[in-house]
């Protein structure tokens, strides 16, 4: 990096404004890259498919039984004595 010589404070201020704008551009590029990465990692179709499966499993009489059994099992697991 070369040293620049400035002849006035106006030139320094202009250079600082340019650097500030360049820094903001780079920051926005990073944010855009993060958003694109999130979109590519999170499969929205798979999530909606899991939601549909959840609705089918937990609907009707079978779903009521499962919804009742899960909390009972969790309480049993939490309250069981250690070493059993």
PDB file of N, CA and C in Angstrom:
ATOM      1  N   UNK A   1       0.855  -1.179   0.000  1.00  0.00           N
ATOM      2  CA  UNK A   1       0.000   0.000   0.000  1.00  0.00           C
ATOM      3  C   UNK A   1       0.893   1.232   0.000  1.00  0.00           C
ATOM      4  N   UNK A   2       0.625   2.108  -0.907  1.00  0.00           N
ATOM      5  CA  UNK A   2       1.448   3.308  -1.030  1.00  0.00           C
ATOM      6  C   UNK A   2       0.897   4.426  -0.146  1.00  0.00           C
ATOM      7  N   UNK A   3       1.770   5.288   0.277  1.00  0.00           N
ATOM      8  CA  UNK A   3       1.356   6.442   1.065  1.00  0.00           C
ATOM      9  C   UNK A   3       0.894   7.544   0.129  1.00  0.00           C
ATOM     10  N   UNK A   4      -0.281   8.039   0.410  1.00  0.00           N
ATOM     11  CA  UNK A   4      -0.806   9.132  -0.405  1.00  0.00           C
ATOM     12  C   UNK A   4      -0.483  10.452   0.260  1.00  0.00           C
ATOM     13  N   UNK A   5      -0.266  11.441  -0.563  1.00  0.00           N
ATOM     14  CA  UNK A   5      -0.016  12.787  -0.046  1.00  0.00           C
ATOM     15  C   UNK A   5      -1.216  13.646  -0.407  1.00  0.00           C
ATOM     16  N   UNK A   6      -1.744  14.277   0.599  1.00  0.00           N
ATOM     17  CA  UNK A   6      -2.920  15.112   0.404  1.00  0.00           C
ATOM     18  C   UNK A   6      -2.524  16.574   0.522  1.00  0.00           C
ATOM     19  N   UNK A   7      -3.202  17.389  -0.282  1.00  0.00           N
ATOM     20  CA  UNK A   7      -2.883  18.816  -0.248  1.00  0.00           C
ATOM     21  C   UNK A   7      -3.894  19.618   0.556  1.00  0.00           C
ATOM     22  N   UNK A   8      -5.020  18.972   0.912  1.00  0.00           N
ATOM     23  CA  UNK A   8      -6.018  19.694   1.711  1.00  0.00           C
ATOM     24  C   UNK A   8      -6.826  18.705   2.536  1.00  0.00           C
ATOM     25  N   UNK A   9      -7.526  19.262   3.527  1.00  0.00           N
ATOM     26  CA  UNK A   9      -8.400  18.428   4.353  1.00  0.00           C
ATOM     27  C   UNK A   9      -9.607  17.922   3.569  1.00  0.00           C
ATOM     28  N   UNK A  10      -9.995  18.641   2.533  1.00  0.00           N
ATOM     29  CA  UNK A  10     -11.130  18.213   1.708  1.00  0.00           C
ATOM     30  C   UNK A  10     -10.816  16.899   0.999  1.00  0.00           C
ATOM     31  N   UNK A  11      -9.581  16.747   0.550  1.00  0.00           N
ATOM     32  CA  UNK A  11      -9.186  15.497  -0.095  1.00  0.00           C
ATOM     33  C   UNK A  11      -9.210  14.336   0.906  1.00  0.00           C
ATOM     34  N   UNK A  12      -8.779  14.608   2.122  1.00  0.00           N
ATOM     35  CA  UNK A  12      -8.798  13.576   3.159  1.00  0.00           C
ATOM     36  C   UNK A  12     -10.232  13.170   3.476  1.00  0.00           C
ATOM     37  N   UNK A  13     -11.112  14.143   3.620  1.00  0.00           N
ATOM     38  CA  UNK A  13     -12.516  13.852   3.899  1.00  0.00           C
ATOM     39  C   UNK A  13     -13.155  13.050   2.767  1.00  0.00           C
ATOM     40  N   UNK A  14     -12.843  13.408   1.532  1.00  0.00           N
ATOM     41  CA  UNK A  14     -13.376  12.685   0.379  1.00  0.00           C
ATOM     42  C   UNK A  14     -12.895  11.232   0.393  1.00  0.00           C
ATOM     43  N   UNK A  15     -11.610  11.026   0.682  1.00  0.00           N
ATOM     44  CA  UNK A  15     -11.063   9.678   0.746  1.00  0.00           C
ATOM     45  C   UNK A  15     -11.723   8.877   1.877  1.00  0.00           C
ATOM     46  N   UNK A  16     -11.969   9.506   3.009  1.00  0.00           N
ATOM     47  CA  UNK A  16     -12.639   8.827   4.120  1.00  0.00           C
ATOM     48  C   UNK A  16     -14.070   8.442   3.766  1.00  0.00           C
ATOM     49  N   UNK A  17     -14.769   9.310   3.056  1.00  0.00           N
ATOM     50  CA  UNK A  17     -16.134   8.986   2.613  1.00  0.00           C
ATOM     51  C   UNK A  17     -16.125   7.805   1.653  1.00  0.00           C
ATOM     52  N   UNK A  18     -15.186   7.788   0.748  1.00  0.00           N
ATOM     53  CA  UNK A  18     -15.082   6.685  -0.210  1.00  0.00           C
ATOM     54  C   UNK A  18     -14.806   5.379   0.531  1.00  0.00           C
ATOM     55  N   UNK A  19     -13.898   5.397   1.485  1.00  0.00           N
ATOM     56  CA  UNK A  19     -13.577   4.194   2.250  1.00  0.00           C
ATOM     57  C   UNK A  19     -14.778   3.723   3.069  1.00  0.00           C
ATOM     58  N   UNK A  20     -15.523   4.667   3.614  1.00  0.00           N
ATOM     59  CA  UNK A  20     -16.714   4.306   4.390  1.00  0.00           C
ATOM     60  C   UNK A  20     -17.750   3.624   3.505  1.00  0.00           C
ATOM     61  N   UNK A  21     -17.960   4.146   2.315  1.00  0.00           N
ATOM     62  CA  UNK A  21     -18.925   3.551   1.384  1.00  0.00           C
ATOM     63  C   UNK A  21     -18.441   2.178   0.914  1.00  0.00           C
ATOM     64  N   UNK A  22     -17.141   2.040   0.649  1.00  0.00           N
ATOM     65  CA  UNK A  22     -16.604   0.742   0.251  1.00  0.00           C
ATOM     66  C   UNK A  22     -16.773  -0.284   1.371  1.00  0.00           C
ATOM     67  N   UNK A  23     -16.554   0.138   2.597  1.00  0.00           N
ATOM     68  CA  UNK A  23     -16.735  -0.772   3.729  1.00  0.00           C
ATOM     69  C   UNK A  23     -18.187  -1.207   3.844  1.00  0.00           C
ATOM     70  N   UNK A  24     -19.122  -0.293   3.637  1.00  0.00           N
ATOM     71  CA  UNK A  24     -20.548  -0.630   3.692  1.00  0.00           C
ATOM     72  C   UNK A  24     -20.928  -1.596   2.570  1.00  0.00           C
ATOM     73  N   UNK A  25     -20.369  -1.403   1.390  1.00  0.00           N
ATOM     74  CA  UNK A  25     -20.633  -2.304   0.265  1.00  0.00           C
ATOM     75  C   UNK A  25     -20.144  -3.710   0.596  1.00  0.00           C
ATOM     76  N   UNK A  26     -18.945  -3.822   1.139  1.00  0.00           N
ATOM     77  CA  UNK A  26     -18.411  -5.135   1.504  1.00  0.00           C
ATOM     78  C   UNK A  26     -19.251  -5.784   2.591  1.00  0.00           C
ATOM     79  N   UNK A  27     -19.692  -4.993   3.551  1.00  0.00           N
ATOM     80  CA  UNK A  27     -20.546  -5.516   4.627  1.00  0.00           C
ATOM     81  C   UNK A  27     -21.858  -6.060   4.066  1.00  0.00           C
ATOM     82  N   UNK A  28     -22.480  -5.326   3.155  1.00  0.00           N
ATOM     83  CA  UNK A  28     -23.735  -5.774   2.546  1.00  0.00           C
ATOM     84  C   UNK A  28     -23.521  -7.030   1.704  1.00  0.00           C
ATOM     85  N   UNK A  29     -22.364  -7.138   1.039  1.00  0.00           N
ATOM     86  CA  UNK A  29     -22.055  -8.356   0.279  1.00  0.00           C
ATOM     87  C   UNK A  29     -21.949  -9.559   1.207  1.00  0.00           C
ATOM     88  N   UNK A  30     -21.348  -9.372   2.367  1.00  0.00           N
ATOM     89  CA  UNK A  30     -21.242 -10.461   3.339  1.00  0.00           C
ATOM     90  C   UNK A  30     -22.625 -10.873   3.813  1.00  0.00           C
ATOM     91  N   UNK A  31     -23.475  -9.890   4.132  1.00  0.00           N
ATOM     92  CA  UNK A  31     -24.830 -10.206   4.563  1.00  0.00           C
ATOM     93  C   UNK A  31     -25.605 -10.953   3.481  1.00  0.00           C
ATOM     94  N   UNK A  32     -25.448 -10.542   2.234  1.00  0.00           N
ATOM     95  CA  UNK A  32     -26.126 -11.216   1.135  1.00  0.00           C
ATOM     96  C   UNK A  32     -25.623 -12.646   0.992  1.00  0.00           C
ATOM     97  N   UNK A  33     -24.331 -12.843   1.142  1.00  0.00           N
ATOM     98  CA  UNK A  33     -23.777 -14.194   1.074  1.00  0.00           C
ATOM     99  C   UNK A  33     -24.311 -15.084   2.181  1.00  0.00           C
ATOM    100  N   UNK A  34     -24.461 -14.522   3.376  1.00  0.00           N
ATOM    101  CA  UNK A  34     -25.015 -15.286   4.493  1.00  0.00           C
ATOM    102  C   UNK A  34     -26.461 -15.669   4.208  1.00  0.00           C
ATOM    103  N   UNK A  35     -27.246 -14.739   3.688  1.00  0.00           N
ATOM    104  CA  UNK A  35     -28.650 -15.029   3.366  1.00  0.00           C
ATOM    105  C   UNK A  35     -28.755 -16.114   2.295  1.00  0.00           C
ATOM    106  N   UNK A  36     -27.912 -16.036   1.274  1.00  0.00           N
ATOM    107  CA  UNK A  36     -27.935 -17.059   0.223  1.00  0.00           C
ATOM    108  C   UNK A  36     -27.546 -18.420   0.786  1.00  0.00           C
ATOM    109  N   UNK A  37     -26.579 -18.439   1.693  1.00  0.00           N
ATOM    110  CA  UNK A  37     -26.167 -19.692   2.310  1.00  0.00           C
ATOM    111  C   UNK A  37     -27.298 -20.281   3.133  1.00  0.00           C
ATOM    112  N   UNK A  38     -27.988 -19.443   3.896  1.00  0.00           N
ATOM    113  CA  UNK A  38     -29.118 -19.923   4.696  1.00  0.00           C
ATOM    114  C   UNK A  38     -30.198 -20.510   3.806  1.00  0.00           C
ATOM    115  N   UNK A  39     -30.489 -19.838   2.696  1.00  0.00           N
ATOM    116  CA  UNK A  39     -31.521 -20.325   1.788  1.00  0.00           C
ATOM    117  C   UNK A  39     -31.128 -21.670   1.181  1.00  0.00           C
ATOM    118  N   UNK A  40     -29.854 -21.856   0.895  1.00  0.00           N
ATOM    119  CA  UNK A  40     -29.436 -23.109   0.283  1.00  0.00           C
ATOM    120  C   UNK A  40     -29.342 -24.242   1.300  1.00  0.00           C
ATOM    121  N   UNK A  41     -29.115 -23.917   2.559  1.00  0.00           N
ATOM    122  CA  UNK A  41     -28.972 -24.948   3.586  1.00  0.00           C
ATOM    123  C   UNK A  41     -30.329 -25.418   4.094  1.00  0.00           C
ATOM    124  N   UNK A  42     -31.271 -24.513   4.267  1.00  0.00           N
ATOM    125  CA  UNK A  42     -32.573 -24.862   4.829  1.00  0.00           C
ATOM    126  C   UNK A  42     -33.497 -25.311   3.706  1.00  0.00           C
ATOM    127  N   UNK A  43     -33.788 -26.603   3.637  1.00  0.00           N
ATOM    128  CA  UNK A  43     -34.685 -27.099   2.595  1.00  0.00           C
ATOM    129  C   UNK A  43     -36.144 -26.862   2.997  1.00  0.00           C
ATOM    130  N   UNK A  44     -36.785 -25.913   2.360  1.00  0.00           N
ATOM    131  CA  UNK A  44     -38.150 -25.549   2.739  1.00  0.00           C
ATOM    132  C   UNK A  44     -39.144 -26.654   2.395  1.00  0.00           C
ATOM    133  N   UNK A  45     -38.904 -27.390   1.327  1.00  0.00           N
ATOM    134  CA  UNK A  45     -39.833 -28.464   0.961  1.00  0.00           C
ATOM    135  C   UNK A  45     -39.799 -29.587   1.989  1.00  0.00           C
ATOM    136  N   UNK A  46     -38.614 -29.897   2.494  1.00  0.00           N
ATOM    137  CA  UNK A  46     -38.502 -30.956   3.496  1.00  0.00           C
ATOM    138  C   UNK A  46     -39.201 -30.541   4.786  1.00  0.00           C
ATOM    139  N   UNK A  47     -39.098 -29.267   5.133  1.00  0.00           N
ATOM    140  CA  UNK A  47     -39.762 -28.783   6.347  1.00  0.00           C
ATOM    141  C   UNK A  47     -41.271 -28.858   6.192  1.00  0.00           C
ATOM    142  N   UNK A  48     -41.781 -28.476   5.037  1.00  0.00           N
ATOM    143  CA  UNK A  48     -43.222 -28.554   4.832  1.00  0.00           C
ATOM    144  C   UNK A  48     -43.686 -30.009   4.787  1.00  0.00           C
ATOM    145  N   UNK A  49     -42.849 -30.900   4.249  1.00  0.00           N
ATOM    146  CA  UNK A  49     -43.176 -32.326   4.235  1.00  0.00           C
ATOM    147  C   UNK A  49     -43.252 -32.861   5.659  1.00  0.00           C
ATOM    148  N   UNK A  50     -42.313 -32.471   6.509  1.00  0.00           N
ATOM    149  CA  UNK A  50     -42.353 -32.891   7.909  1.00  0.00           C
ATOM    150  C   UNK A  50     -43.602 -32.355   8.606  1.00  0.00           C
ATOM    151  N   UNK A  51     -44.003 -31.138   8.264  1.00  0.00           N
ATOM    152  CA  UNK A  51     -45.235 -30.583   8.823  1.00  0.00           C
ATOM    153  C   UNK A  51     -46.449 -31.392   8.404  1.00  0.00           C
ATOM    154  N   UNK A  52     -46.491 -31.800   7.160  1.00  0.00           N
ATOM    155  CA  UNK A  52     -47.608 -32.626   6.683  1.00  0.00           C
ATOM    156  C   UNK A  52     -47.628 -33.982   7.375  1.00  0.00           C
ATOM    157  N   UNK A  53     -46.459 -34.590   7.559  1.00  0.00           N
ATOM    158  CA  UNK A  53     -46.389 -35.874   8.249  1.00  0.00           C
ATOM    159  C   UNK A  53     -46.839 -35.715   9.694  1.00  0.00           C
ATOM    160  N   UNK A  54     -46.411 -34.648  10.342  1.00  0.00           N
ATOM    161  CA  UNK A  54     -46.817 -34.376  11.724  1.00  0.00           C
ATOM    162  C   UNK A  54     -48.335 -34.256  11.823  1.00  0.00           C
ATOM    163  N   UNK A  55     -48.932 -33.513  10.892  1.00  0.00           N
ATOM    164  CA  UNK A  55     -50.389 -33.358  10.907  1.00  0.00           C
ATOM    165  C   UNK A  55     -51.093 -34.701  10.730  1.00  0.00           C
ATOM    166  N   UNK A  56     -50.586 -35.550   9.853  1.00  0.00           N
ATOM    167  CA  UNK A  56     -51.217 -36.847   9.617  1.00  0.00           C
ATOM    168  C   UNK A  56     -51.063 -37.775  10.814  1.00  0.00           C
ATOM    169  N   UNK A  57     -49.885 -37.778  11.440  1.00  0.00           N
ATOM    170  CA  UNK A  57     -49.638 -38.682  12.565  1.00  0.00           C
ATOM    171  C   UNK A  57     -50.437 -38.271  13.792  1.00  0.00           C
ATOM    172  N   UNK A  58     -50.480 -36.983  14.069  1.00  0.00           N
ATOM    173  CA  UNK A  58     -51.119 -36.507  15.293  1.00  0.00           C
ATOM    174  C   UNK A  58     -52.581 -36.121  15.107  1.00  0.00           C
ATOM    175  N   UNK A  59     -53.214 -36.581  14.063  1.00  0.00           N
ATOM    176  CA  UNK A  59     -54.639 -36.323  13.885  1.00  0.00           C
ATOM    177  C   UNK A  59     -55.408 -37.615  14.169  1.00  0.00           C
ATOM    178  N   UNK A  60     -56.646 -37.476  14.580  1.00  0.00           N
ATOM    179  CA  UNK A  60     -57.487 -38.638  14.836  1.00  0.00           C
ATOM    180  C   UNK A  60     -57.214 -39.264  16.191  1.00  0.00           C
ATOM    181  N   UNK A  61     -57.753 -40.474  16.391  1.00  0.00           N
ATOM    182  CA  UNK A  61     -57.649 -41.169  17.671  1.00  0.00           C
ATOM    183  C   UNK A  61     -56.204 -41.569  17.964  1.00  0.00           C
ATOM    184  N   UNK A  62     -55.475 -41.994  16.953  1.00  0.00           N
ATOM    185  CA  UNK A  62     -54.086 -42.393  17.134  1.00  0.00           C
ATOM    186  C   UNK A  62     -53.255 -41.201  17.627  1.00  0.00           C
ATOM    187  N   UNK A  63     -53.521 -40.037  17.097  1.00  0.00           N
ATOM    188  CA  UNK A  63     -52.814 -38.827  17.518  1.00  0.00           C
ATOM    189  C   UNK A  63     -53.105 -38.462  18.955  1.00  0.00           C
ATOM    190  N   UNK A  64     -54.334 -38.643  19.393  1.00  0.00           N
ATOM    191  CA  UNK A  64     -54.692 -38.339  20.778  1.00  0.00           C
ATOM    192  C   UNK A  64     -53.927 -39.260  21.726  1.00  0.00           C
ATOM    193  N   UNK A  65     -53.835 -40.529  21.353  1.00  0.00           N
ATOM    194  CA  UNK A  65     -53.101 -41.483  22.192  1.00  0.00           C
ATOM    195  C   UNK A  65     -51.622 -41.091  22.276  1.00  0.00           C
ATOM    196  N   UNK A  66     -51.033 -40.735  21.141  1.00  0.00           N
ATOM    197  CA  UNK A  66     -49.617 -40.349  21.125  1.00  0.00           C
ATOM    198  C   UNK A  66     -49.403 -39.073  21.931  1.00  0.00           C
ATOM    199  N   UNK A  67     -50.275 -38.084  21.759  1.00  0.00           N
ATOM    200  CA  UNK A  67     -50.135 -36.832  22.493  1.00  0.00           C
ATOM    201  C   UNK A  67     -50.285 -37.038  23.991  1.00  0.00           C
ATOM    202  N   UNK A  68     -51.037 -38.020  24.401  1.00  0.00           N
ATOM    203  CA  UNK A  68     -51.188 -38.317  25.823  1.00  0.00           C
ATOM    204  C   UNK A  68     -50.001 -39.128  26.338  1.00  0.00           C
ATOM    205  N   UNK A  69     -49.516 -40.053  25.555  1.00  0.00           N
ATOM    206  CA  UNK A  69     -48.446 -40.951  25.991  1.00  0.00           C
ATOM    207  C   UNK A  69     -47.096 -40.252  26.082  1.00  0.00           C
ATOM    208  N   UNK A  70     -46.822 -39.313  25.206  1.00  0.00           N
ATOM    209  CA  UNK A  70     -45.506 -38.663  25.190  1.00  0.00           C
ATOM    210  C   UNK A  70     -45.227 -37.925  26.509  1.00  0.00           C
ATOM    211  N   UNK A  71     -46.132 -37.071  27.021  1.00  0.00           N
ATOM    212  CA  UNK A  71     -45.840 -36.410  28.304  1.00  0.00           C
ATOM    213  C   UNK A  71     -45.699 -37.393  29.466  1.00  0.00           C
ATOM    214  N   UNK A  72     -46.505 -38.464  29.456  1.00  0.00           N
ATOM    215  CA  UNK A  72     -46.391 -39.468  30.514  1.00  0.00           C
ATOM    216  C   UNK A  72     -45.020 -40.124  30.463  1.00  0.00           C
ATOM    217  N   UNK A  73     -44.554 -40.477  29.276  1.00  0.00           N
ATOM    218  CA  UNK A  73     -43.234 -41.088  29.122  1.00  0.00           C
ATOM    219  C   UNK A  73     -42.129 -40.118  29.546  1.00  0.00           C
ATOM    220  N   UNK A  74     -42.255 -38.861  29.181  1.00  0.00           N
ATOM    221  CA  UNK A  74     -41.237 -37.872  29.549  1.00  0.00           C
ATOM    222  C   UNK A  74     -41.180 -37.707  31.064  1.00  0.00           C
ATOM    223  N   UNK A  75     -42.346 -37.608  31.718  1.00  0.00           N
ATOM    224  CA  UNK A  75     -42.362 -37.487  33.177  1.00  0.00           C
ATOM    225  C   UNK A  75     -41.768 -38.723  33.833  1.00  0.00           C
ATOM    226  N   UNK A  76     -42.083 -39.904  33.319  1.00  0.00           N
ATOM    227  CA  UNK A  76     -41.514 -41.139  33.871  1.00  0.00           C
ATOM    228  C   UNK A  76     -39.996 -41.129  33.731  1.00  0.00           C
ATOM    229  N   UNK A  77     -39.509 -40.720  32.566  1.00  0.00           N
ATOM    230  CA  UNK A  77     -38.070 -40.718  32.311  1.00  0.00           C
ATOM    231  C   UNK A  77     -37.355 -39.716  33.217  1.00  0.00           C
ATOM    232  N   UNK A  78     -37.943 -38.554  33.409  1.00  0.00           N
ATOM    233  CA  UNK A  78     -37.326 -37.539  34.254  1.00  0.00           C
ATOM    234  C   UNK A  78     -37.338 -37.957  35.722  1.00  0.00           C
ATOM    235  N   UNK A  79     -38.430 -38.542  36.190  1.00  0.00           N
ATOM    236  CA  UNK A  79     -38.599 -38.852  37.612  1.00  0.00           C
ATOM    237  C   UNK A  79     -38.093 -40.223  38.023  1.00  0.00           C
ATOM    238  N   UNK A  80     -37.569 -41.021  37.107  1.00  0.00           N
ATOM    239  CA  UNK A  80     -37.108 -42.349  37.464  1.00  0.00           C
ATOM    240  C   UNK A  80     -35.869 -42.222  38.334  1.00  0.00           C
ATOM    241  N   UNK A  81     -35.664 -43.198  39.163  1.00  0.00           N
ATOM    242  CA  UNK A  81     -34.519 -43.193  40.072  1.00  0.00           C
ATOM    243  C   UNK A  81     -33.258 -43.551  39.297  1.00  0.00           C
ATOM    244  N   UNK A  82     -32.212 -42.900  39.637  1.00  0.00           N
ATOM    245  CA  UNK A  82     -30.938 -43.198  38.987  1.00  0.00           C
ATOM    246  C   UNK A  82     -30.430 -44.551  39.483  1.00  0.00           C
ATOM    247  N   UNK A  83     -29.864 -45.288  38.566  1.00  0.00           N
ATOM    248  CA  UNK A  83     -29.343 -46.594  38.915  1.00  0.00           C
ATOM    249  C   UNK A  83     -30.330 -47.723  38.672  1.00  0.00           C
ATOM    250  N   UNK A  84     -31.540 -47.415  38.244  1.00  0.00           N
ATOM    251  CA  UNK A  84     -32.529 -48.455  37.944  1.00  0.00           C
ATOM    252  C   UNK A  84     -32.358 -48.949  36.541  1.00  0.00           C
TER     253      UNK A  84
END
